[in-house]
Amino acid sequence: MRPGRLLAQLAAHAVLVAGGVAMVLPFWWMLLTAFRPAEEIFTGGIALFPERFHGLANFEQALTSAPLLRFMLNGVIVCAGILVVQLAVAIPAAYALAKLPFTGTRLLFGCVVGAIAIPIQVPALPLYLAFAELRLLNTYFALMFPFFLSVFAIFLLRQVFKQYPDEIIQAARLDGAGEFEIVWRFVVPAAAPAIAAFSIFSIVAHWNDLYWPLIVITETRLAPPPLGMLFFRDAETGSNYGALMAGATMITAPLVLAFLVARRRFIQGITMTGLK
């Protein structure tokens, strides 16, 4: 290998390693704080490991000072409910845009692409007023409803479904299969990596969402994890950052574990959208 190419590869790997360290460092510092006693947290020095282990006390206080397990259960209910409806709506819509030509297909797909650029902050006020008028604030439905339609899911799955061979669909139609049967029996299994990738996107986004729950939820019993951490910090722990970081560790751990388990599917799903 030529020296110039070797240096270029070393430089590229150095940049990747630096980026990886920059991304992992906040999580490591969170874990470090969760296992430290209070006097070590506020010292001026930087240590990669705690000098004195205080993790059990921090985690015990995190579990007893606030209903963290309830917050996590709320997160599971909200994320699962949103994801199920998103897929139930996005899969048929994406299939129609990809495989069922009709008048206005391009215009409708253009609207889908344009809608991706609209953040939740834009319709937040009218949605809040509607939920208040219908007395649906402080409900799981209020947390989930604005996200039932995911234009990003429609866009992503449409790109994947476009690659599915038309010959197989035509053969299934000749065998008497209906469009819904074709979608769920043939197309969806082939697009499983992309669906898994979107599922990770959706779960992470709504598990970590603070903006919308902060608007529609005021009761602690319905708080999802990020909002629950605000209640936890303000009402219980005060300046006890060890217990606060212990709670943050417990709330973050399921997402990290889920991604590690599904990382291969996630990478496959992302790369599928670029295949021709």
Protein backbone atom coordinates (compact mmCIF):
# COMPACT_ATOMS: atom_id res chain seq x y z
CA MET A 1 0.00 0.00 0.00
CA ARG A 2 1.30 3.41 -0.93
CA PRO A 3 2.27 5.74 1.95
CA GLY A 4 -0.16 8.43 0.80
CA ARG A 5 -3.11 6.03 0.80
CA LEU A 6 -2.07 4.61 4.16
CA LEU A 7 -1.95 8.08 5.68
CA ALA A 8 -5.38 8.88 4.23
CA GLN A 9 -6.87 5.74 5.77
CA LEU A 10 -5.22 6.44 9.12
CA ALA A 11 -6.59 9.99 9.06
CA ALA A 12 -10.08 8.74 8.21
CA HIS A 13 -9.97 6.19 11.05
CA ALA A 14 -8.68 8.85 13.44
CA VAL A 15 -11.64 11.08 12.58
CA LEU A 16 -14.07 8.18 13.08
CA VAL A 17 -12.49 7.25 16.42
CA ALA A 18 -12.66 10.87 17.57
CA GLY A 19 -16.32 11.04 16.57
CA GLY A 20 -17.06 7.79 18.40
CA VAL A 21 -15.35 9.03 21.56
CA ALA A 22 -17.28 12.32 21.38
CA MET A 23 -20.56 10.40 21.15
CA VAL A 24 -19.78 7.87 23.89
CA LEU A 25 -18.25 10.32 26.36
CA PRO A 26 -21.57 11.85 27.59
CA PHE A 27 -22.96 8.37 28.27
CA TRP A 28 -19.80 7.37 30.10
CA TRP A 29 -19.96 10.55 32.20
CA MET A 30 -23.60 9.80 33.01
CA LEU A 31 -22.67 6.31 34.22
CA LEU A 32 -19.72 7.68 36.13
CA THR A 33 -21.91 10.21 37.92
CA ALA A 34 -24.51 7.53 38.68
CA PHE A 35 -21.88 5.48 40.57
CA ARG A 36 -20.19 8.37 42.38
CA PRO A 37 -20.94 9.82 45.82
CA ALA A 38 -21.98 13.47 45.96
CA GLU A 39 -18.59 14.74 47.19
CA GLU A 40 -16.82 13.26 44.13
CA ILE A 41 -19.28 14.75 41.65
CA PHE A 42 -18.43 18.32 42.60
CA THR A 43 -14.66 17.92 42.77
CA GLY A 44 -12.64 19.76 40.17
CA GLY A 45 -10.66 16.75 38.95
CA ILE A 46 -11.54 14.46 36.06
CA ALA A 47 -11.38 10.73 36.73
CA LEU A 48 -12.42 7.92 34.40
CA PHE A 49 -13.57 5.73 37.32
CA PRO A 50 -15.16 6.56 40.68
CA GLU A 51 -12.81 6.57 43.63
CA ARG A 52 -15.58 5.26 45.90
CA PHE A 53 -18.49 3.14 44.68
CA HIS A 54 -21.87 4.67 45.57
CA GLY A 55 -24.02 3.21 42.81
CA LEU A 56 -26.38 1.08 44.90
CA ALA A 57 -27.43 4.03 47.04
CA ASN A 58 -27.95 6.26 43.99
CA PHE A 59 -30.02 3.68 42.14
CA GLU A 60 -32.02 2.86 45.27
CA GLN A 61 -32.85 6.52 45.78
CA ALA A 62 -33.75 6.89 42.11
CA LEU A 63 -36.23 4.01 42.38
CA THR A 64 -37.74 5.07 45.71
CA SER A 65 -37.89 8.84 45.29
CA ALA A 66 -40.00 8.83 42.13
CA PRO A 67 -42.05 6.25 40.15
CA LEU A 68 -39.39 5.68 37.50
CA LEU A 69 -40.77 2.27 36.57
CA ARG A 70 -44.16 3.91 35.99
CA PHE A 71 -42.53 6.50 33.76
CA MET A 72 -40.88 3.73 31.76
CA LEU A 73 -44.16 1.81 31.49
CA ASN A 74 -45.81 4.97 30.17
CA GLY A 75 -43.03 5.25 27.61
CA VAL A 76 -43.57 1.66 26.49
CA ILE A 77 -47.33 2.19 26.13
CA VAL A 78 -46.94 5.43 24.19
CA CYS A 79 -44.14 4.21 21.90
CA ALA A 80 -45.85 0.89 21.17
CA GLY A 81 -49.21 2.52 20.48
CA ILE A 82 -47.69 5.10 18.16
CA LEU A 83 -45.57 2.55 16.29
CA VAL A 84 -48.43 0.10 15.68
CA VAL A 85 -50.69 2.78 14.19
CA GLN A 86 -47.83 4.33 12.21
CA LEU A 87 -47.02 1.02 10.53
CA ALA A 88 -50.69 0.15 9.97
CA VAL A 89 -51.15 3.44 8.11
CA ALA A 90 -47.75 3.84 6.44
CA ILE A 91 -47.37 0.36 4.94
CA PRO A 92 -50.55 0.42 2.76
CA ALA A 93 -49.96 4.09 1.87
CA ALA A 94 -46.36 3.44 0.84
CA TYR A 95 -47.39 0.39 -1.20
CA ALA A 96 -50.05 2.40 -3.02
CA LEU A 97 -47.56 5.13 -3.89
CA ALA A 98 -44.95 2.62 -5.00
CA LYS A 99 -46.95 -0.04 -6.87
CA LEU A 100 -50.44 1.27 -7.67
CA PRO A 101 -50.24 4.02 -10.31
CA PHE A 102 -53.14 6.46 -10.14
CA THR A 103 -53.83 10.06 -11.11
CA GLY A 104 -51.96 12.44 -8.82
CA THR A 105 -49.39 9.94 -7.58
CA ARG A 106 -46.49 12.33 -8.03
CA LEU A 107 -48.40 15.24 -6.50
CA LEU A 108 -49.35 13.17 -3.48
CA PHE A 109 -45.79 11.92 -3.04
CA GLY A 110 -44.57 15.50 -3.30
CA CYS A 111 -46.95 16.43 -0.48
CA VAL A 112 -45.52 13.58 1.59
CA VAL A 113 -41.97 14.80 1.03
CA GLY A 114 -42.97 18.38 1.83
CA ALA A 115 -44.76 17.33 5.02
CA ILE A 116 -41.51 15.87 6.37
CA ALA A 117 -40.28 19.45 6.80
CA ILE A 118 -43.20 20.41 9.09
CA PRO A 119 -42.22 20.05 12.77
CA ILE A 120 -44.64 19.23 15.57
CA GLN A 121 -44.32 22.81 16.84
CA VAL A 122 -46.37 24.10 13.89
CA PRO A 123 -49.68 22.31 14.65
CA ALA A 124 -49.04 22.17 18.42
CA LEU A 125 -51.33 25.08 19.36
CA PRO A 126 -54.44 24.02 17.39
CA LEU A 127 -53.95 20.43 18.55
CA TYR A 128 -53.72 21.56 22.16
CA LEU A 129 -56.88 23.67 21.82
CA ALA A 130 -58.71 20.73 20.23
CA PHE A 131 -57.68 18.33 23.00
CA ALA A 132 -58.63 20.89 25.66
CA GLU A 133 -62.05 21.39 24.04
CA LEU A 134 -62.62 17.63 23.89
CA ARG A 135 -61.26 17.18 27.44
CA LEU A 136 -58.59 14.78 26.24
CA LEU A 137 -55.62 16.41 27.95
CA ASN A 138 -53.79 14.17 30.43
CA THR A 139 -54.54 11.02 28.43
CA TYR A 140 -52.46 8.51 26.54
CA PHE A 141 -54.46 9.38 23.43
CA ALA A 142 -53.32 13.01 23.62
CA LEU A 143 -49.71 11.83 23.80
CA MET A 144 -50.05 9.52 20.79
CA PHE A 145 -52.55 11.03 18.35
CA PRO A 146 -50.35 13.72 16.69
CA PHE A 147 -47.84 11.05 15.66
CA PHE A 148 -50.16 8.38 14.26
CA LEU A 149 -49.44 9.53 10.71
CA SER A 150 -45.71 9.39 9.95
CA VAL A 151 -44.86 10.89 6.57
CA PHE A 152 -41.25 9.82 7.11
CA ALA A 153 -42.41 6.19 7.37
CA ILE A 154 -44.41 6.55 4.16
CA PHE A 155 -41.42 8.05 2.37
CA LEU A 156 -38.94 5.45 3.66
CA LEU A 157 -41.14 2.42 2.94
CA ARG A 158 -42.18 3.77 -0.46
CA GLN A 159 -38.51 3.87 -1.47
CA VAL A 160 -38.10 0.26 -0.32
CA PHE A 161 -41.30 -1.02 -1.92
CA LYS A 162 -40.29 0.52 -5.26
CA GLN A 163 -37.44 -1.99 -5.39
CA TYR A 164 -39.72 -5.00 -4.93
CA PRO A 165 -40.00 -6.95 -8.23
CA ASP A 166 -43.22 -6.23 -10.12
CA GLU A 167 -43.11 -9.76 -11.57
CA ILE A 168 -43.77 -11.32 -8.15
CA ILE A 169 -46.71 -8.99 -7.55
CA GLN A 170 -48.18 -9.78 -10.97
CA ALA A 171 -47.78 -13.52 -10.34
CA ALA A 172 -49.54 -13.20 -6.99
CA ARG A 173 -52.40 -11.32 -8.65
CA LEU A 174 -52.74 -14.06 -11.27
CA ASP A 175 -52.98 -16.59 -8.42
CA GLY A 176 -55.94 -14.65 -7.05
CA ALA A 177 -54.24 -12.78 -4.21
CA GLY A 178 -55.72 -9.41 -3.28
CA GLU A 179 -53.65 -6.28 -2.79
CA PHE A 180 -53.73 -6.43 1.00
CA GLU A 181 -52.69 -10.08 0.93
CA ILE A 182 -49.82 -9.21 -1.41
CA VAL A 183 -48.70 -6.42 0.91
CA TRP A 184 -48.71 -8.40 4.14
CA ARG A 185 -47.64 -11.81 2.82
CA PHE A 186 -44.99 -10.85 0.26
CA VAL A 187 -43.90 -7.22 0.33
CA VAL A 188 -43.75 -6.60 4.09
CA PRO A 189 -41.55 -9.64 4.91
CA ALA A 190 -39.09 -8.55 2.20
CA ALA A 191 -39.00 -5.05 3.71
CA ALA A 192 -38.49 -6.25 7.28
CA PRO A 193 -35.06 -4.57 7.70
CA ALA A 194 -36.46 -1.20 6.64
CA ILE A 195 -39.45 -1.61 8.94
CA ALA A 196 -37.09 -2.49 11.79
CA ALA A 197 -34.99 0.59 11.03
CA PHE A 198 -38.03 2.85 11.09
CA SER A 199 -39.23 1.19 14.30
CA ILE A 200 -35.96 2.13 15.98
CA PHE A 201 -36.26 5.70 14.70
CA SER A 202 -39.82 5.94 15.98
CA ILE A 203 -39.21 4.40 19.39
CA VAL A 204 -36.13 6.52 20.08
CA ALA A 205 -37.85 9.72 18.95
CA HIS A 206 -40.98 9.25 21.05
CA TRP A 207 -39.23 7.73 24.06
CA ASN A 208 -37.05 10.86 24.22
CA ASP A 209 -39.77 13.37 23.29
CA LEU A 210 -40.22 16.11 25.88
CA TYR A 211 -41.85 18.94 23.94
CA TRP A 212 -45.31 17.46 23.35
CA PRO A 213 -45.73 15.66 26.72
CA LEU A 214 -44.74 18.89 28.46
CA ILE A 215 -47.74 20.55 26.79
CA VAL A 216 -50.50 17.97 27.24
CA ILE A 217 -49.51 16.16 30.45
CA THR A 218 -49.57 17.64 33.95
CA GLU A 219 -50.18 14.48 36.00
CA THR A 220 -47.16 12.53 37.20
CA ARG A 221 -48.87 9.15 36.71
CA LEU A 222 -49.03 9.71 32.93
CA ALA A 223 -45.58 11.19 32.44
CA PRO A 224 -43.31 9.47 29.88
CA PRO A 225 -39.59 9.11 30.73
CA PRO A 226 -38.25 12.60 29.81
CA LEU A 227 -41.12 14.45 31.49
CA GLY A 228 -40.90 12.07 34.43
CA MET A 229 -37.25 12.99 34.87
CA LEU A 230 -38.25 16.67 35.15
CA PHE A 231 -40.79 15.82 37.85
CA PHE A 232 -38.22 13.58 39.51
CA ARG A 233 -35.54 16.28 39.53
CA ASP A 234 -37.74 19.12 40.70
CA ALA A 235 -39.81 17.31 43.29
CA GLU A 236 -37.50 14.75 44.80
CA THR A 237 -33.78 14.87 44.23
CA GLY A 238 -32.95 18.58 44.22
CA SER A 239 -29.20 18.74 43.67
CA ASN A 240 -28.57 15.00 44.12
CA TYR A 241 -27.05 14.50 40.69
CA GLY A 242 -25.94 10.96 41.50
CA ALA A 243 -29.55 9.78 41.90
CA LEU A 244 -30.63 11.90 38.94
CA MET A 245 -28.02 10.30 36.68
CA ALA A 246 -28.93 6.87 38.03
CA GLY A 247 -32.51 7.51 36.91
CA ALA A 248 -31.30 8.77 33.54
CA THR A 249 -29.21 5.61 33.15
CA MET A 250 -32.20 3.36 33.78
CA ILE A 251 -34.31 5.30 31.29
CA THR A 252 -31.58 5.32 28.62
CA ALA A 253 -30.52 1.67 28.99
CA PRO A 254 -33.54 0.09 27.18
CA LEU A 255 -32.90 2.20 24.07
CA VAL A 256 -29.21 1.34 23.98
CA LEU A 257 -29.91 -2.38 24.46
CA ALA A 258 -32.63 -2.35 21.80
CA PHE A 259 -30.31 -0.71 19.30
CA LEU A 260 -27.48 -3.15 20.03
CA VAL A 261 -29.84 -6.09 19.51
CA ALA A 262 -31.31 -4.69 16.28
CA ARG A 263 -28.24 -2.94 14.86
CA ARG A 264 -27.82 -5.34 11.93
CA ARG A 265 -31.44 -4.93 10.87
CA PHE A 266 -31.08 -1.18 11.33
CA ILE A 267 -28.05 -0.99 9.02
CA GLN A 268 -29.75 -3.24 6.45
CA GLY A 269 -32.86 -1.08 6.51
CA ILE A 270 -30.92 2.13 5.97
CA THR A 271 -28.87 0.68 3.09
CA MET A 272 -31.94 -0.83 1.38
CA THR A 273 -33.28 2.61 0.50
CA GLY A 274 -30.18 3.29 -1.62
CA LEU A 275 -30.30 0.11 -3.70
CA LYS A 276 -31.43 0.11 -7.30
